[in-house]
Protein backbone atom coordinates (compact mmCIF):
# COMPACT_ATOMS: atom_id res chain seq x y z
CA MET A 1 123.39 98.92 67.73
CA THR A 2 123.30 99.56 71.38
CA ALA A 3 126.53 98.50 73.02
CA LEU A 4 126.29 95.99 75.91
CA ARG A 5 126.67 97.13 79.42
CA ARG A 6 129.62 95.73 81.57
CA THR A 7 129.97 95.47 85.24
CA PRO A 8 133.13 96.79 87.14
CA ILE A 9 134.69 93.38 87.18
CA TYR A 10 134.45 92.86 83.43
CA PRO A 11 138.22 93.86 82.75
CA HIS A 12 139.12 90.88 84.95
CA TYR A 13 137.29 88.35 83.13
CA ALA A 14 140.19 88.16 80.50
CA ILE A 15 142.49 86.42 83.13
CA TYR A 16 140.71 83.26 82.42
CA PRO A 17 141.18 81.94 78.75
CA GLU A 18 138.09 79.73 78.68
CA ALA A 19 135.95 82.80 79.89
CA ARG A 20 132.83 83.20 77.57
CA CYS A 21 130.45 86.18 77.58
CA ILE A 22 126.96 86.28 76.20
CA ASP A 23 124.29 88.99 75.94
CA PHE A 24 122.11 88.63 78.98
CA GLY A 25 119.54 91.41 79.08
CA GLY A 26 121.69 93.88 77.61
CA TRP A 27 124.57 92.95 79.69
CA GLU A 28 127.85 91.37 78.58
CA LEU A 29 128.07 88.72 81.20
CA PRO A 30 130.09 85.39 81.76
CA VAL A 31 128.36 82.36 81.01
CA GLN A 32 131.40 80.48 82.25
CA PHE A 33 135.02 81.22 83.36
CA ILE A 34 136.47 77.83 83.54
CA GLY A 35 133.56 75.41 82.60
CA ILE A 36 130.13 75.03 83.84
CA GLN A 37 130.54 71.63 85.25
CA LYS A 38 133.60 72.55 87.37
CA GLU A 39 132.26 75.78 88.43
CA HIS A 40 128.83 73.91 89.55
CA ASP A 41 130.99 71.31 91.29
CA ALA A 42 133.20 73.81 93.24
CA VAL A 43 130.02 75.64 94.68
CA ARG A 44 128.54 72.36 95.65
CA GLN A 45 131.81 71.10 97.25
CA ARG A 46 134.06 74.08 98.14
CA ALA A 47 133.19 77.63 96.99
CA GLY A 48 132.47 79.80 93.83
CA LEU A 49 132.44 83.48 93.49
CA PHE A 50 129.80 85.15 91.10
CA ASP A 51 129.74 88.50 89.68
CA VAL A 52 126.06 89.49 89.80
CA SER A 53 126.64 93.42 89.57
CA HIS A 54 123.89 93.53 86.96
CA MET A 55 121.21 93.09 89.62
CA GLY A 56 119.10 96.11 90.52
CA GLU A 57 119.00 98.10 93.80
CA LEU A 58 116.21 100.30 94.51
CA ILE A 59 116.03 102.28 97.81
CA VAL A 60 112.40 102.77 99.01
CA ARG A 61 112.49 105.34 102.14
CA GLY A 62 110.06 107.69 103.92
CA ARG A 63 107.52 107.79 106.70
CA ASP A 64 105.18 105.65 104.86
CA ALA A 65 107.72 103.21 103.10
CA ALA A 66 106.87 100.19 105.34
CA SER A 67 103.08 100.55 104.66
CA PHE A 68 103.73 101.15 100.89
CA LEU A 69 105.69 98.05 100.53
CA GLN A 70 103.29 96.20 102.59
CA ARG A 71 100.57 97.14 100.07
CA MET A 72 102.87 96.21 97.15
CA THR A 73 104.42 92.82 98.15
CA THR A 74 103.23 89.43 98.97
CA ASN A 75 105.16 88.78 102.03
CA ASP A 76 104.69 90.41 105.35
CA VAL A 77 107.06 93.54 105.64
CA GLU A 78 105.75 94.26 109.03
CA ARG A 79 107.75 91.07 110.26
CA LEU A 80 110.93 92.83 109.07
CA ARG A 81 113.41 94.46 111.49
CA SER A 82 116.56 96.21 110.69
CA GLY A 83 119.24 93.96 109.59
CA HIS A 84 116.79 91.39 108.39
CA ALA A 85 115.74 90.46 104.78
CA GLN A 86 113.05 88.79 103.07
CA TYR A 87 112.12 87.12 99.83
CA THR A 88 108.79 88.55 98.39
CA LEU A 89 106.90 89.28 94.88
CA LEU A 90 105.15 91.95 93.47
CA CYS A 91 101.87 91.07 91.75
CA ASN A 92 99.61 92.45 89.28
CA PRO A 93 95.87 92.68 90.09
CA ASP A 94 95.41 89.20 88.25
CA GLY A 95 97.82 87.59 90.77
CA GLY A 96 100.50 87.20 87.87
CA VAL A 97 104.19 88.04 89.00
CA VAL A 98 105.63 91.57 88.07
CA GLU A 99 108.63 90.70 89.92
CA ASP A 100 110.55 88.56 92.62
CA LEU A 101 112.94 90.40 94.87
CA LEU A 102 114.53 90.58 98.27
CA ILE A 103 113.73 93.46 100.68
CA TYR A 104 116.29 94.46 103.10
CA GLN A 105 115.33 96.53 105.98
CA LEU A 106 118.09 99.11 106.19
CA ASP A 107 116.49 101.30 109.00
CA GLN A 108 113.10 101.90 110.45
CA ASP A 109 112.06 103.90 107.28
CA GLU A 110 114.38 102.86 104.63
CA TYR A 111 114.44 99.55 102.52
CA MET A 112 116.61 98.07 99.83
CA LEU A 113 114.76 96.03 97.02
CA VAL A 114 117.13 93.89 95.01
CA VAL A 115 115.52 93.17 91.71
CA ASN A 116 116.22 91.38 88.26
CA ALA A 117 118.43 93.41 86.05
CA ALA A 118 116.13 93.15 83.17
CA ASN A 119 113.21 94.49 85.32
CA ILE A 120 114.73 97.54 86.87
CA GLU A 121 112.88 100.22 84.83
CA LYS A 122 109.80 98.14 84.90
CA ASP A 123 109.80 97.97 88.51
CA MET A 124 110.93 101.61 88.92
CA HIS A 125 107.70 102.57 87.08
CA TRP A 126 105.46 99.90 88.75
CA LEU A 127 106.51 101.32 92.21
CA LEU A 128 106.19 105.02 91.45
CA ALA A 129 102.75 104.44 89.69
CA HIS A 130 101.31 103.16 92.81
CA VAL A 131 102.62 105.75 95.28
CA MET A 132 99.57 107.57 96.46
CA ASP A 133 99.49 111.34 96.76
CA HIS A 134 99.17 111.38 100.42
CA GLU A 135 102.26 109.07 100.96
CA ALA A 136 105.62 110.13 102.04
CA VAL A 137 107.38 107.69 99.88
CA PHE A 138 110.63 108.24 97.87
CA VAL A 139 111.97 105.83 95.42
CA THR A 140 115.71 105.93 94.25
CA ASN A 141 117.56 103.69 91.67
CA ARG A 142 121.04 103.00 92.91
CA SER A 143 121.90 100.24 90.64
CA GLU A 144 124.72 102.00 89.00
CA GLN A 145 126.47 102.86 92.28
CA ILE A 146 126.39 99.39 93.94
CA ALA A 147 128.02 96.24 92.78
CA LEU A 148 127.01 92.79 93.96
CA LEU A 149 129.39 89.78 94.26
CA ALA A 150 128.00 86.38 95.77
CA LEU A 151 130.34 84.04 97.47
CA GLN A 152 128.65 80.73 97.52
CA GLY A 153 129.36 76.95 98.98
CA PRO A 154 130.21 75.15 102.06
CA LEU A 155 133.55 77.06 102.47
CA ALA A 156 132.05 80.41 101.87
CA GLU A 157 132.02 81.47 105.56
CA HIS A 158 135.48 80.34 106.28
CA ILE A 159 136.90 82.20 103.06
CA LEU A 160 135.07 85.42 104.02
CA GLN A 161 135.95 85.47 107.60
CA GLN A 162 139.56 85.85 106.54
CA VAL A 163 138.95 89.29 105.01
CA THR A 164 136.39 90.75 107.61
CA GLN A 165 136.53 91.42 111.21
CA VAL A 166 132.79 90.82 111.61
CA SER A 167 131.88 87.57 113.31
CA LEU A 168 129.89 85.69 110.48
CA GLN A 169 129.11 82.41 112.71
CA ASN A 170 126.16 83.96 114.34
CA LEU A 171 124.86 85.71 111.18
CA LEU A 172 121.65 83.66 110.12
CA PRO A 173 120.21 83.20 106.65
CA PHE A 174 118.26 86.32 105.62
CA GLN A 175 120.22 88.37 108.00
CA PHE A 176 122.71 91.14 107.10
CA ILE A 177 125.29 93.58 108.43
CA THR A 178 125.87 96.99 107.16
CA GLY A 179 129.13 99.14 107.49
CA ALA A 180 131.23 95.96 107.55
CA SER A 181 134.67 96.06 106.12
CA VAL A 182 135.55 93.36 103.46
CA CYS A 183 138.91 93.36 101.85
CA GLY A 184 139.54 96.78 103.40
CA VAL A 185 136.27 98.48 101.83
CA ALA A 186 132.83 99.07 103.07
CA ALA A 187 130.29 96.56 102.49
CA LEU A 188 126.81 95.19 103.37
CA ILE A 189 127.32 91.37 104.16
CA SER A 190 124.08 89.44 103.53
CA ARG A 191 123.54 85.62 104.39
CA THR A 192 121.64 84.98 101.22
CA GLY A 193 122.33 83.34 97.84
CA TYR A 194 120.83 81.88 94.78
CA THR A 195 122.45 78.36 94.75
CA GLY A 196 120.98 76.07 97.31
CA GLU A 197 124.16 76.49 99.32
CA ASP A 198 125.39 78.27 102.38
CA GLY A 199 126.80 81.73 101.35
CA PHE A 200 126.90 85.33 101.29
CA GLU A 201 125.94 88.33 99.04
CA LEU A 202 128.37 91.26 99.24
CA TYR A 203 127.22 94.73 98.29
CA VAL A 204 129.73 97.31 97.78
CA GLN A 205 130.40 100.75 95.78
CA ALA A 206 130.93 99.94 92.31
CA GLU A 207 134.52 101.44 92.41
CA ASP A 208 135.42 99.00 94.95
CA ALA A 209 134.33 95.72 93.48
CA ALA A 210 137.35 94.82 91.60
CA GLN A 211 139.35 94.99 94.52
CA VAL A 212 137.07 92.55 96.60
CA TRP A 213 136.83 90.40 93.75
CA LEU A 214 140.43 89.93 93.17
CA ASP A 215 141.27 89.70 96.90
CA LEU A 216 138.68 86.97 97.43
CA LEU A 217 139.77 84.89 94.66
CA SER A 218 143.49 85.14 95.86
CA ILE A 219 142.70 84.29 99.38
CA GLY A 220 140.13 81.61 98.61
CA GLU A 221 142.34 79.99 95.89
CA PRO A 222 144.13 77.53 98.33
CA LEU A 223 140.83 76.39 99.34
CA GLY A 224 139.46 75.73 95.91
CA LEU A 225 137.62 78.90 95.30
CA ILE A 226 137.08 79.80 91.62
CA PRO A 227 134.94 82.14 89.83
CA ALA A 228 131.54 81.02 88.53
CA GLY A 229 129.23 82.31 85.75
CA LEU A 230 125.64 82.46 84.67
CA GLY A 231 125.64 78.84 83.47
CA ALA A 232 126.65 77.45 86.87
CA ARG A 233 124.41 79.96 88.57
CA ASP A 234 121.45 78.52 86.62
CA THR A 235 122.04 74.92 87.21
CA LEU A 236 122.52 75.54 90.67
CA ARG A 237 119.31 77.51 91.24
CA PHE A 238 117.63 74.89 89.18
CA GLU A 239 118.59 71.87 91.20
CA ALA A 240 117.54 73.68 94.45
CA ARG A 241 114.13 74.43 92.59
CA LEU A 242 114.69 78.38 92.91
CA PRO A 243 112.60 80.21 90.33
CA LEU A 244 114.03 82.39 87.38
CA TYR A 245 111.82 85.36 86.32
CA GLY A 246 110.74 84.76 82.82
CA HIS A 247 110.74 80.83 83.22
CA GLU A 248 109.02 79.85 86.52
CA LEU A 249 107.60 83.21 87.14
CA SER A 250 105.99 85.74 84.91
CA GLU A 251 102.87 88.05 84.63
CA GLU A 252 100.89 85.05 83.44
CA ILE A 253 102.06 82.83 86.31
CA THR A 254 101.02 83.33 89.86
CA PRO A 255 103.16 82.64 92.90
CA LEU A 256 100.71 79.88 94.16
CA GLU A 257 101.18 78.16 90.75
CA ALA A 258 104.87 78.39 91.20
CA GLY A 259 104.77 76.81 94.41
CA LEU A 260 105.83 79.89 96.45
CA GLY A 261 102.67 80.35 98.80
CA MET A 262 104.81 80.34 101.76
CA PHE A 263 105.94 83.84 100.60
CA VAL A 264 102.25 84.91 100.02
CA LYS A 265 100.73 86.16 103.21
CA LEU A 266 97.09 86.26 102.39
CA ASN A 267 95.91 86.99 105.89
CA LYS A 268 98.16 90.18 106.33
CA GLY A 269 95.61 92.70 104.88
CA GLU A 270 95.31 94.13 101.57
CA PHE A 271 98.04 94.02 98.72
CA ILE A 272 97.92 94.00 94.92
CA GLY A 273 96.72 90.69 93.55
CA ARG A 274 95.61 89.34 96.90
CA ASP A 275 91.69 89.06 95.83
CA ALA A 276 92.80 87.22 92.74
CA LEU A 277 95.13 84.91 94.65
CA ILE A 278 92.34 84.18 97.28
CA GLN A 279 90.02 83.28 94.50
CA GLN A 280 92.73 81.04 92.87
CA LYS A 281 93.47 79.31 96.13
CA SER A 282 89.77 78.79 97.12
CA SER A 283 88.79 77.37 93.52
CA GLY A 284 91.67 75.21 93.21
CA LEU A 285 94.87 75.84 91.26
CA PRO A 286 94.59 75.23 87.56
CA ARG A 287 98.38 74.56 87.00
CA LYS A 288 101.32 73.59 89.15
CA LEU A 289 104.93 73.70 88.75
CA VAL A 290 106.50 70.19 89.09
CA GLY A 291 109.68 68.21 88.65
CA LEU A 292 109.96 65.83 86.00
CA GLU A 293 112.73 63.35 84.90
CA LEU A 294 113.22 61.71 81.42
CA ILE A 295 112.88 58.18 81.27
CA ASP A 296 113.94 57.93 77.41
CA ARG A 297 117.07 59.43 76.48
CA GLY A 298 116.75 63.20 75.98
CA ILE A 299 117.26 66.55 77.71
CA PRO A 300 114.14 68.70 78.44
CA ARG A 301 114.59 72.41 77.59
CA ALA A 302 112.55 75.42 78.35
CA HIS A 303 109.13 75.77 76.37
CA TYR A 304 109.30 71.99 75.15
CA PRO A 305 105.69 70.91 75.35
CA VAL A 306 104.49 68.33 77.90
CA TYR A 307 101.77 65.77 77.25
CA ALA A 308 99.72 63.15 79.18
CA GLN A 309 97.11 60.68 77.76
CA GLY A 310 97.49 62.54 74.33
CA GLU A 311 96.67 65.83 75.83
CA LEU A 312 98.78 69.04 75.93
CA ILE A 313 99.24 69.76 79.56
CA GLY A 314 101.68 72.42 79.88
CA GLU A 315 105.44 73.11 78.96
CA VAL A 316 108.85 73.00 80.35
CA THR A 317 110.21 76.05 82.13
CA THR A 318 113.75 74.96 82.73
CA GLY A 319 115.58 71.63 82.07
CA THR A 320 119.07 70.30 81.67
CA GLN A 321 120.97 67.30 82.80
CA SER A 322 121.73 67.83 86.28
CA PRO A 323 125.51 68.38 86.94
CA THR A 324 125.19 66.88 90.36
CA TRP A 325 123.18 63.87 89.76
CA LYS A 326 123.70 63.16 86.00
CA ARG A 327 119.99 62.79 85.56
CA ASN A 328 117.95 64.46 82.65
CA LEU A 329 115.48 66.84 84.75
CA GLY A 330 113.22 69.73 84.27
CA LEU A 331 110.77 71.96 85.86
CA ALA A 332 107.41 72.12 84.13
CA LEU A 333 104.04 73.98 84.61
CA VAL A 334 101.26 71.58 84.08
CA ASN A 335 97.61 70.94 84.36
CA ALA A 336 97.26 70.43 88.13
CA LYS A 337 95.43 67.06 87.79
CA TYR A 338 98.65 65.50 86.28
CA SER A 339 101.12 66.84 89.11
CA VAL A 340 100.93 63.80 91.30
CA LEU A 341 104.33 62.10 91.82
CA ASP A 342 105.16 59.31 89.38
CA THR A 343 102.46 60.30 86.89
CA LYS A 344 103.68 59.28 83.53
CA ILE A 345 103.93 62.03 80.94
CA GLU A 346 105.87 62.87 77.60
CA VAL A 347 107.92 65.66 76.67
CA GLU A 348 108.21 66.53 73.02
CA ILE A 349 111.66 66.95 71.88
CA ARG A 350 112.43 67.58 68.22
CA GLY A 351 109.05 66.17 67.16
CA ARG A 352 109.52 62.87 69.26
CA LEU A 353 107.48 62.21 72.28
CA LEU A 354 109.73 60.87 74.92
CA GLN A 355 108.69 59.14 78.09
CA ALA A 356 109.06 61.08 81.41
CA LYS A 357 107.58 61.11 84.91
CA ILE A 358 106.70 63.56 87.79
CA VAL A 359 109.36 63.50 90.36
CA PRO A 360 109.92 65.41 93.75
CA THR A 361 111.52 68.66 94.14
CA PRO A 362 113.84 70.27 94.84
CA PHE A 363 116.25 67.97 93.11
CA TYR A 364 119.12 69.05 95.62
CA LYS A 365 119.30 69.92 99.33
CA ARG A 366 122.41 70.66 101.13
CA ASN A 367 123.39 68.60 104.01
CA LEU A 368 122.97 70.59 107.18
CA THR A 369 124.90 68.35 109.41
């Protein structure tokens, strides 16, 4: 039996008696530290700190790095400048999603790709398989050397500013700073996250991660900062309608079906999957990702079948009782003709068809005032 992998923060999970770990794609990661509801509320109202060091970091560099990534991804890499990041996707020739990721332009000919932990090897193989013989492109897996912490919530800036000399006020979303000092160690500070809240992602050397983790929690504790696990990470991203690979995205689901068309630049030129996506857009989407709410008592879960007028029209991709709103909500990929708001549908739960309806998404938007 293969031993589960652990992040540099793992030894410090034991500080919390209620911490509970699970096998997450071969990693022993915390589903909670104190309790999912408390951690969710902390991020929405104050701040939470996530250990997401299992995520992968791939470095793509070389004279042809930009043109290579332009051909591989759906977003427009040419719009990037040093110090800026963008959300994008790798697609297969049929338009299905190989991976969703962030691209950071570190320098003119150097980029960092942040990918899902379960897809690191697959993504490496996919990228290397598409490097042309004449291209000066080099792909390196730095995942073992880099740890990632995510400080998220309305007080994230105030907390982080106490441990860095970098002025955070003018750092805009999807911008980052390299060579910063955080808690006395070198870090890349990125104004990005996966919760629907303001916040930062901190990339540090693996050997420095524990110091940053402990110092941030100590300094932020008077302001209500607590550690947060995978459970809250999932409910937070769900309420904000942020996709999870393997649920809202897969090699059988296109970014257009998942409602991510704004990250697909069909006019930028050739990229893998472009022809299929153009065809899908011109002929009309067969399926759409929608929000649903249970009218009857029940909680929709991933893979539960969805029906309308006696016809199977799709399935739930993610569902739960919203910790913020206490409503039984779900995301579902359904036949496009049933995607209109307020359409009455049914979700099959343990052999029973429960009444539901199509509702707007995202379920949560932070107050920007």
